[in-house]
Structures are given as structure tokens and as C-alpha cells.
Amino acid sequence: MKIVTKYILRELLGPFFFGLLAFSGMFLGFALINIIQWAEVYNVPFFTVLKLWSFNFPENIAYGAYIGMLLATLLGLGRMTGHSETIAMQAGGVSFMKIATPVLLTGLVVSMVTFFFNETLTPMAKRAYRQERAYLISHKPKGVIKNYFFTDYGKDGVKRLVYAEEYHTAEERFLNVMIQEVKDEKLIRTIKTKELLWGKDSWYFKEGEIFYYKEDSVVPIRVSEGYNPSGLDKNPNQVSLLAQKPEEMSWSELKWYLKNTSLNQKTKNRLEVQLHLKLAMPFASFFFALLGTPLALQSQRRTSSTGLGLSLVYVIIYYLLMALGSFLGQSGTVSPFIGAWFQNIILGLFGGYKFLRKALYLS
């Protein structure tokens, strides 16, 4: 790694971590206030409050990352420009692209790390937060899903309806189950059992009743001890996922959920916008780096407060554009993908124009 690249990266790191900690801390502060207000109602112990607060860390750190990247670009490069260091580099033969490349690569790395956070830690933390709150309110056992229901779809539409009074995720076990199988929109079989267990690669029950429907008659069969396949082809992870809230899912989980559930168009548009936002928001770091680089390399002197002010202005613009794009995507005016990426597209085009213009000017 060249000395110039190392120096630029070192100048970026300080403002980046400052922005990351400052804005993440602000979001976490708001979260803590909300938890404390809620905890007072239910007399929640102090250490439980801290536990609930800790579940907010992954999501809010991810929010602070792209704001930190914009701040790093405007303050880090802005300080170098204000001290004429970038001018001296260019006079010494260092091109604009050699100065900009470390910034863009840093933005790309921050985007990928943020996406990794959102795929792994954030969904788990959200689910743990919801389960902990539910337990504190109603003492509902953790890992137990009450009144489990989902519709299993095939190529020709509904193929199975599954209902269980309880699903124990850790034990991979349904209790008091009824499965209704459908073919050509007609009910062909019903399975009733007290217990449905996961074994090897399928769900089975030891005893229960099976009802076959043939024309106007019903053929009941009593099943005793033995291995009896249920026909349910979803594995335990997929069964658990179908019971989760879409807001708590990762990008890959929500994508699978949308493919395996039937939703009305309004709900589908809303969830598809959420799906694409899970990718669009982490990559804001890259687009902020693209936008911030030409702005920071302008020749006029700029104070740190000016850089901070510009960062806040562009963050507000980003959120306004995101709200507009989400509305357009959910309403069907534009595709959910365009709606979710709307803010990145607009700032990317503006930043790309400024970037290209600066590169041509200094070439």
C-alpha cells in the first residue's frame, strides 16, 4: 500500500469513527429513552433494561455507519484540502483518481460490512428484543409460538393449510396439529395429531387421525404408534421463519418469505420495498463517498463545522428522498426496486456528475 493511500485512509478513519459513534449514540439514546419509558410501566429491572437496550446496538450501529462515511469524506478530505495537502499531492503527480480511489473503496467496504451486520446480527437482535418484551408483559415462554398457522403454496395455488396450538422452536415440535391438504381447490385429506416431530428430513407423527375425502364421503383412519409422514415439506428453519415478522427478517429471509407466501398486492409492494431497502441502505456509504469526494476536494477553505453541516443537510435530503421513493414503490407508481433505490439513484447521479466533472477538470 502506497504512502499516499495510507495517509488518506488515516485521515478518513478519525472522522468516520467520530460520526459512527456520534450518530449511533444518538439513535441508541432515543432507543434507551423509549425502553425506560416502557420499563416504568411494567416495573422492569435495571439490568433487563440494559439487556433490551443491547439488542438495539446492531441496527443502530448500521444506521450510523453510512452517516459516518459521509462525515469522514467531507471532514477528512476537506481538512486535507483546507491545508492544501491535496493540491500539493496533485502538484507532485498524484492524480485525482489516486486520491479518490481509497475513499471509494472504503465506502464500498463499509457498505459490505453493514450489509453483513444486517444479514446476521440485526435480525437475531430484533427477534430477541421482541421475545424478551413479550415475556416481560405476559410471561409467554421464549421459543414457543402460539396459534401457529400458515398456508403452504405450490405451483397450482394452495396445497396445504397448517394449524397448531403451539410450535416449540428449540424442540422442533408442533402440538395439537391439524393439516388440511388441497388439490384443484378441493379438500382431499385432513390430518389431526397431538404431536408433530421433525426427524431426519421430514415431519412425522406417532399417532393421530387421517380423514380422506372422496366425493360425498369421508373415510376416517386411526393411526397408532409408528412413523407416519405428514407431507409437510418445510424444514424447521423455514417453519420458524414463516412465523416471524417481515420487519425482523434479513434480506435473504425476506426474499424467501415473499416467494413462499401469497399476499395482496399492497402488502407485497410494501414488503418488496423493504426487501430492496435492506440492500440499498447499506450501500448508501458508497454513494456518500462518491458524492463527498468532489465536494471535499473543492479548493476553498472549509471548517469542520461546515463539513458537519453539509453532512447533516445531505443526510436529511437522503431520508426525504427515501421516504418519497418508498411511497412511490409501495403505491405501485414505480417498481419496488426503483422506489427502494430512489435516494441512491438521485444522489448517485448527482455525485457521479460532480465526481466526473472534478476528474475531467483536474486531468
Protein backbone atom coordinates (compact mmCIF):
# COMPACT_ATOMS: atom_id res chain seq x y z
CA MET A 1 0.00 0.00 0.00
CA LYS A 2 1.44 3.36 -1.06
CA ILE A 3 2.22 6.10 1.45
CA VAL A 4 -0.40 8.44 -0.06
CA THR A 5 -3.12 5.78 0.26
CA LYS A 6 -2.16 5.04 3.86
CA TYR A 7 -2.22 8.72 4.69
CA ILE A 8 -5.65 9.27 3.13
CA LEU A 9 -7.08 6.24 4.97
CA ARG A 10 -5.66 7.50 8.26
CA GLU A 11 -7.29 10.88 7.67
CA LEU A 12 -10.64 9.17 6.97
CA LEU A 13 -10.67 6.86 9.99
CA GLY A 14 -10.84 9.55 12.67
CA PRO A 15 -13.91 11.39 11.30
CA PHE A 16 -15.53 8.07 10.35
CA PHE A 17 -15.40 6.66 13.88
CA PHE A 18 -16.45 10.02 15.28
CA GLY A 19 -19.50 10.06 13.01
CA LEU A 20 -20.23 6.38 13.65
CA LEU A 21 -20.15 6.78 17.43
CA ALA A 22 -21.90 10.16 17.47
CA PHE A 23 -24.87 9.25 15.28
CA SER A 24 -25.16 5.65 16.51
CA GLY A 25 -25.03 7.02 20.05
CA MET A 26 -27.80 9.47 19.22
CA PHE A 27 -30.04 6.70 17.83
CA LEU A 28 -29.21 4.46 20.79
CA GLY A 29 -30.03 7.30 23.16
CA PHE A 30 -33.51 7.64 21.67
CA ALA A 31 -33.94 3.85 21.92
CA LEU A 32 -32.91 3.88 25.59
CA ILE A 33 -35.40 6.63 26.40
CA ASN A 34 -38.22 4.61 24.79
CA ILE A 35 -37.21 1.47 26.69
CA ILE A 36 -37.04 3.30 30.02
CA GLN A 37 -40.49 4.84 29.47
CA TRP A 38 -41.89 1.39 28.66
CA ALA A 39 -39.99 -0.27 31.55
CA GLU A 40 -41.53 2.11 34.10
CA VAL A 41 -44.99 0.81 33.22
CA TYR A 42 -44.06 -2.85 33.80
CA ASN A 43 -41.51 -2.34 36.62
CA VAL A 44 -38.70 -3.89 34.60
CA PRO A 45 -35.37 -4.36 36.49
CA PHE A 46 -32.43 -2.15 35.56
CA PHE A 47 -30.25 -4.95 34.16
CA THR A 48 -33.13 -6.15 31.99
CA VAL A 49 -33.43 -2.63 30.62
CA LEU A 50 -29.74 -2.76 29.68
CA LYS A 51 -30.29 -6.17 28.09
CA LEU A 52 -33.15 -4.84 25.98
CA TRP A 53 -31.06 -1.81 25.05
CA SER A 54 -28.18 -4.02 23.91
CA PHE A 55 -30.49 -5.65 21.35
CA ASN A 56 -30.73 -2.25 19.62
CA PHE A 57 -26.98 -1.98 19.05
CA PRO A 58 -26.55 -3.83 15.70
CA GLU A 59 -29.31 -1.95 13.87
CA ASN A 60 -28.34 1.50 15.16
CA ILE A 61 -24.63 0.99 14.53
CA ALA A 62 -25.54 0.15 10.93
CA TYR A 63 -27.53 3.41 10.72
CA GLY A 64 -24.52 5.36 11.96
CA ALA A 65 -22.10 3.74 9.51
CA TYR A 66 -23.17 5.47 6.30
CA ILE A 67 -23.51 8.84 8.05
CA GLY A 68 -20.02 8.28 9.42
CA MET A 69 -18.75 7.59 5.90
CA LEU A 70 -20.14 10.89 4.59
CA LEU A 71 -18.64 12.74 7.55
CA ALA A 72 -15.29 11.00 7.03
CA THR A 73 -15.20 12.09 3.39
CA LEU A 74 -16.21 15.70 3.97
CA LEU A 75 -14.10 16.23 7.12
CA GLY A 76 -11.10 14.01 6.29
CA LEU A 77 -10.55 15.10 2.70
CA GLY A 78 -11.91 18.56 3.50
CA ARG A 79 -9.21 19.08 6.12
CA MET A 80 -6.52 17.94 3.67
CA THR A 81 -7.87 20.34 1.03
CA GLY A 82 -8.11 23.18 3.55
CA HIS A 83 -4.41 22.66 4.40
CA SER A 84 -3.54 22.48 0.67
CA GLU A 85 -2.31 18.91 1.08
CA THR A 86 -4.35 17.56 -1.83
CA ILE A 87 -3.10 20.42 -4.01
CA ALA A 88 0.47 19.52 -3.10
CA MET A 89 -0.25 15.85 -3.94
CA GLN A 90 -1.60 16.79 -7.36
CA ALA A 91 1.37 19.08 -7.97
CA GLY A 92 3.60 16.11 -7.15
CA GLY A 93 1.93 13.94 -9.80
CA VAL A 94 -0.79 12.24 -7.72
CA SER A 95 -3.93 12.17 -9.87
CA PHE A 96 -7.47 12.85 -8.72
CA MET A 97 -8.36 9.18 -9.17
CA LYS A 98 -5.49 8.06 -6.93
CA ILE A 99 -6.82 10.34 -4.20
CA ALA A 100 -10.44 9.30 -4.74
CA THR A 101 -9.92 5.53 -5.09
CA PRO A 102 -9.12 4.84 -1.37
CA VAL A 103 -12.21 6.84 -0.39
CA LEU A 104 -14.50 4.92 -2.76
CA LEU A 105 -13.04 1.57 -1.72
CA THR A 106 -13.53 2.48 1.94
CA GLY A 107 -17.16 3.35 1.20
CA LEU A 108 -17.62 0.01 -0.56
CA VAL A 109 -16.07 -1.93 2.34
CA VAL A 110 -18.25 -0.10 4.88
CA SER A 111 -21.30 -0.93 2.73
CA MET A 112 -20.46 -4.64 2.64
CA VAL A 113 -19.72 -4.81 6.38
CA THR A 114 -23.00 -3.01 7.14
CA PHE A 115 -24.91 -5.43 4.90
CA PHE A 116 -23.24 -8.35 6.72
CA PHE A 117 -24.38 -6.88 10.06
CA ASN A 118 -27.93 -6.55 8.75
CA GLU A 119 -27.92 -10.13 7.46
CA THR A 120 -26.63 -11.75 10.64
CA LEU A 121 -26.76 -9.81 13.91
CA THR A 122 -29.63 -7.36 13.34
CA PRO A 123 -32.44 -9.91 12.67
CA MET A 124 -31.41 -12.04 15.66
CA ALA A 125 -31.27 -8.98 17.92
CA LYS A 126 -34.71 -7.77 16.77
CA ARG A 127 -36.29 -11.17 17.45
CA ALA A 128 -34.63 -11.43 20.85
CA TYR A 129 -35.87 -7.94 21.72
CA ARG A 130 -39.46 -8.79 20.78
CA GLN A 131 -39.41 -12.12 22.63
CA GLU A 132 -37.94 -10.52 25.77
CA ARG A 133 -40.61 -7.82 25.81
CA ALA A 134 -43.38 -10.37 25.23
CA TYR A 135 -42.06 -12.45 28.12
CA LEU A 136 -41.95 -9.44 30.44
CA ILE A 137 -45.53 -8.44 29.56
CA SER A 138 -47.29 -11.82 29.55
CA HIS A 139 -44.61 -14.28 30.72
CA LYS A 140 -45.01 -16.03 27.39
CA PRO A 141 -42.35 -18.77 27.15
CA LYS A 142 -39.48 -17.92 24.84
CA GLY A 143 -39.15 -20.06 21.76
CA VAL A 144 -42.84 -21.03 21.80
CA ILE A 145 -45.12 -19.77 19.00
CA LYS A 146 -48.79 -19.80 19.96
CA ASN A 147 -51.58 -20.44 17.42
CA TYR A 148 -49.20 -21.19 14.57
CA PHE A 149 -50.83 -21.00 11.13
CA PHE A 150 -49.57 -20.80 7.60
CA THR A 151 -50.72 -21.56 4.08
CA ASP A 152 -48.39 -23.73 2.01
CA TYR A 153 -48.45 -22.87 -1.69
CA GLY A 154 -47.48 -24.91 -4.73
CA LYS A 155 -47.37 -24.15 -8.45
CA ASP A 156 -51.15 -24.53 -8.75
CA GLY A 157 -52.03 -22.44 -5.68
CA VAL A 158 -52.88 -23.55 -2.15
CA LYS A 159 -51.77 -27.10 -1.42
CA ARG A 160 -51.80 -27.27 2.38
CA LEU A 161 -53.14 -25.41 5.44
CA VAL A 162 -51.28 -25.97 8.71
CA TYR A 163 -52.54 -25.02 12.15
CA ALA A 164 -51.01 -25.84 15.54
CA GLU A 165 -51.81 -24.58 19.02
CA GLU A 166 -48.07 -24.34 19.74
CA TYR A 167 -44.77 -24.67 17.93
CA HIS A 168 -41.65 -25.19 20.09
CA THR A 169 -38.71 -23.94 18.04
CA ALA A 170 -35.90 -25.43 20.17
CA GLU A 171 -37.53 -28.89 20.24
CA GLU A 172 -38.74 -28.68 16.61
CA ARG A 173 -42.17 -29.88 17.70
CA PHE A 174 -45.79 -28.94 16.94
CA LEU A 175 -48.59 -29.55 19.46
CA ASN A 176 -52.26 -30.18 18.65
CA VAL A 177 -51.92 -30.00 14.89
CA MET A 178 -54.38 -30.01 12.02
CA ILE A 179 -53.15 -30.23 8.42
CA GLN A 180 -55.58 -29.86 5.52
CA GLU A 181 -54.36 -30.80 2.05
CA VAL A 182 -55.89 -29.26 -1.07
CA LYS A 183 -55.78 -30.31 -4.73
CA ASP A 184 -57.51 -28.44 -7.55
CA GLU A 185 -59.12 -26.20 -4.90
CA LYS A 186 -60.74 -29.21 -3.22
CA LEU A 187 -60.03 -30.61 0.23
CA ILE A 188 -58.65 -34.14 -0.19
CA ARG A 189 -57.16 -35.02 3.22
CA THR A 190 -57.06 -33.84 6.83
CA ILE A 191 -54.52 -34.96 9.43
CA LYS A 192 -55.14 -34.41 13.15
CA THR A 193 -52.48 -35.27 15.71
CA LYS A 194 -51.39 -34.19 19.17
CA GLU A 195 -47.74 -34.00 18.21
CA LEU A 196 -45.76 -33.41 15.02
CA LEU A 197 -41.99 -34.02 15.21
CA TRP A 198 -39.03 -33.33 12.94
CA GLY A 199 -36.91 -36.35 12.06
CA LYS A 200 -34.06 -36.56 9.56
CA ASP A 201 -35.59 -34.70 6.61
CA SER A 202 -39.35 -34.68 7.20
CA TRP A 203 -42.15 -34.13 9.73
CA TYR A 204 -43.89 -37.16 11.18
CA PHE A 205 -46.49 -38.04 13.80
CA LYS A 206 -46.71 -41.12 16.00
CA GLU A 207 -50.46 -41.29 16.38
CA GLY A 208 -53.49 -39.41 15.16
CA GLU A 209 -56.36 -39.45 12.68
CA ILE A 210 -56.44 -39.12 8.90
CA PHE A 211 -59.61 -38.21 7.01
CA TYR A 212 -59.79 -38.87 3.28
CA TYR A 213 -62.47 -37.02 1.30
CA LYS A 214 -63.90 -38.87 -1.70
CA GLU A 215 -66.80 -37.25 -3.49
CA ASP A 216 -69.57 -37.08 -0.83
CA SER A 217 -67.98 -39.48 1.64
CA VAL A 218 -65.34 -39.21 4.36
CA VAL A 219 -63.03 -42.13 5.14
CA PRO A 220 -61.52 -41.86 8.66
CA ILE A 221 -58.37 -43.81 9.56
CA ARG A 222 -56.98 -44.13 13.07
CA VAL A 223 -53.16 -44.16 13.17
CA SER A 224 -51.35 -45.70 16.15
CA GLU A 225 -47.66 -45.91 17.06
CA GLY A 226 -45.26 -45.74 14.14
CA TYR A 227 -43.53 -43.40 11.71
CA ASN A 228 -46.19 -41.56 9.74
CA PRO A 229 -45.15 -38.80 7.28
CA SER A 230 -47.26 -35.65 7.37
CA GLY A 231 -46.49 -34.41 3.86
CA LEU A 232 -45.25 -31.06 5.20
CA ASP A 233 -42.09 -30.21 3.22
CA LYS A 234 -40.83 -27.13 5.09
CA ASN A 235 -37.79 -27.66 7.34
CA PRO A 236 -37.72 -26.28 10.95
CA ASN A 237 -35.85 -23.11 9.96
CA GLN A 238 -38.42 -22.35 7.28
CA VAL A 239 -41.30 -23.16 9.65
CA SER A 240 -39.89 -20.69 12.19
CA LEU A 241 -39.28 -18.07 9.51
CA LEU A 242 -42.90 -18.17 8.35
CA ALA A 243 -43.97 -17.19 11.87
CA GLN A 244 -41.61 -14.21 12.08
CA LYS A 245 -42.46 -10.61 11.34
CA PRO A 246 -41.09 -9.48 7.94
CA GLU A 247 -39.53 -6.43 9.64
CA GLU A 248 -37.31 -8.79 11.65
CA MET A 249 -36.02 -10.73 8.65
CA SER A 250 -32.74 -10.41 6.82
CA TRP A 251 -32.59 -9.78 3.07
CA SER A 252 -32.26 -13.47 2.21
CA GLU A 253 -35.02 -14.48 4.65
CA LEU A 254 -37.46 -11.87 3.36
CA LYS A 255 -36.71 -12.87 -0.23
CA TRP A 256 -37.58 -16.50 0.60
CA TYR A 257 -40.68 -15.38 2.52
CA LEU A 258 -42.01 -13.44 -0.47
CA LYS A 259 -41.55 -16.45 -2.74
CA ASN A 260 -43.35 -18.82 -0.38
CA THR A 261 -46.36 -16.78 0.73
CA SER A 262 -49.37 -15.36 -1.06
CA LEU A 263 -50.04 -11.69 -0.31
CA ASN A 264 -52.32 -8.98 -1.61
CA GLN A 265 -50.65 -6.52 -3.98
CA LYS A 266 -50.44 -3.67 -1.46
CA THR A 267 -48.72 -5.82 1.17
CA LYS A 268 -46.47 -7.40 -1.45
CA ASN A 269 -45.34 -3.97 -2.71
CA ARG A 270 -44.62 -2.83 0.85
CA LEU A 271 -42.54 -5.91 1.65
CA GLU A 272 -40.70 -5.80 -1.67
CA VAL A 273 -39.72 -2.19 -0.97
CA GLN A 274 -38.44 -3.35 2.45
CA LEU A 275 -36.52 -6.16 0.74
CA HIS A 276 -34.69 -3.81 -1.62
CA LEU A 277 -34.10 -1.24 1.14
CA LYS A 278 -32.16 -3.88 3.08
CA LEU A 279 -29.61 -3.73 0.26
CA ALA A 280 -29.99 -0.10 -0.74
CA MET A 281 -29.41 1.44 2.70
CA PRO A 282 -26.04 -0.25 3.43
CA PHE A 283 -24.77 0.89 0.02
CA ALA A 284 -25.53 4.49 0.95
CA SER A 285 -21.96 4.51 2.32
CA PHE A 286 -20.55 4.05 -1.17
CA PHE A 287 -22.81 6.70 -2.71
CA PHE A 288 -21.98 9.15 0.07
CA ALA A 289 -18.28 8.54 -0.61
CA LEU A 290 -18.91 9.18 -4.32
CA LEU A 291 -20.75 12.42 -3.52
CA GLY A 292 -18.46 13.61 -0.74
CA THR A 293 -15.16 13.20 -2.59
CA PRO A 294 -15.59 16.01 -5.19
CA LEU A 295 -17.25 18.25 -2.60
CA ALA A 296 -14.36 17.82 -0.16
CA LEU A 297 -11.73 18.44 -2.84
CA GLN A 298 -13.05 21.89 -3.75
CA SER A 299 -10.28 24.44 -3.37
CA GLN A 300 -11.99 26.85 -0.94
CA ARG A 301 -11.15 26.56 2.75
CA ARG A 302 -13.77 24.78 4.83
CA THR A 303 -14.06 24.44 8.57
CA SER A 304 -15.05 21.25 10.38
CA SER A 305 -18.39 22.80 11.33
CA THR A 306 -19.11 23.41 7.64
CA GLY A 307 -18.37 19.77 6.84
CA LEU A 308 -20.61 18.64 9.68
CA GLY A 309 -23.38 20.96 8.49
CA LEU A 310 -23.13 19.66 4.92
CA SER A 311 -23.28 16.09 6.23
CA LEU A 312 -26.50 16.79 8.11
CA VAL A 313 -28.03 18.51 5.07
CA TYR A 314 -27.29 15.57 2.77
CA VAL A 315 -28.47 13.03 5.36
CA ILE A 316 -31.79 14.90 5.64
CA ILE A 317 -32.07 15.01 1.83
CA TYR A 318 -31.29 11.28 1.72
CA TYR A 319 -34.08 10.45 4.18
CA LEU A 320 -36.58 12.70 2.36
CA LEU A 321 -35.76 11.03 -0.95
CA MET A 322 -36.01 7.60 0.71
CA ALA A 323 -39.47 8.46 2.10
CA LEU A 324 -40.61 9.65 -1.33
CA GLY A 325 -39.18 6.62 -3.11
CA SER A 326 -40.71 4.20 -0.60
CA PHE A 327 -44.11 5.84 -1.06
CA LEU A 328 -43.87 5.59 -4.85
CA GLY A 329 -42.76 1.96 -4.65
CA GLN A 330 -45.45 0.90 -2.18
CA SER A 331 -48.20 2.65 -4.13
CA GLY A 332 -47.17 0.93 -7.37
CA THR A 333 -46.29 4.18 -9.15
CA VAL A 334 -42.79 2.79 -9.74
CA SER A 335 -41.38 -0.68 -9.21
CA PRO A 336 -40.43 -1.60 -5.60
CA PHE A 337 -36.77 -1.81 -6.69
CA ILE A 338 -36.76 1.74 -8.10
CA GLY A 339 -38.67 3.00 -5.05
CA ALA A 340 -36.16 1.49 -2.61
CA TRP A 341 -33.10 2.66 -4.57
CA PHE A 342 -34.57 6.07 -5.44
CA GLN A 343 -32.41 8.03 -2.98
CA ASN A 344 -29.25 6.19 -4.04
CA ILE A 345 -30.04 6.77 -7.72
CA ILE A 346 -30.61 10.51 -7.28
CA LEU A 347 -27.58 11.12 -5.05
CA GLY A 348 -25.54 8.70 -7.18
CA LEU A 349 -26.32 10.62 -10.37
CA PHE A 350 -25.59 13.96 -8.71
CA GLY A 351 -22.43 12.65 -7.04
CA GLY A 352 -21.31 10.92 -10.24
CA TYR A 353 -21.76 14.16 -12.19
CA LYS A 354 -19.73 16.14 -9.63
CA PHE A 355 -17.12 13.38 -9.47
CA LEU A 356 -16.70 13.16 -13.27
CA ARG A 357 -16.60 16.92 -13.63
CA LYS A 358 -13.88 17.18 -10.97
CA ALA A 359 -11.89 14.35 -12.54
CA LEU A 360 -12.01 15.96 -16.00
CA TYR A 361 -11.12 19.39 -14.55
CA LEU A 362 -8.02 18.03 -12.79
CA SER A 363 -6.91 15.73 -15.61
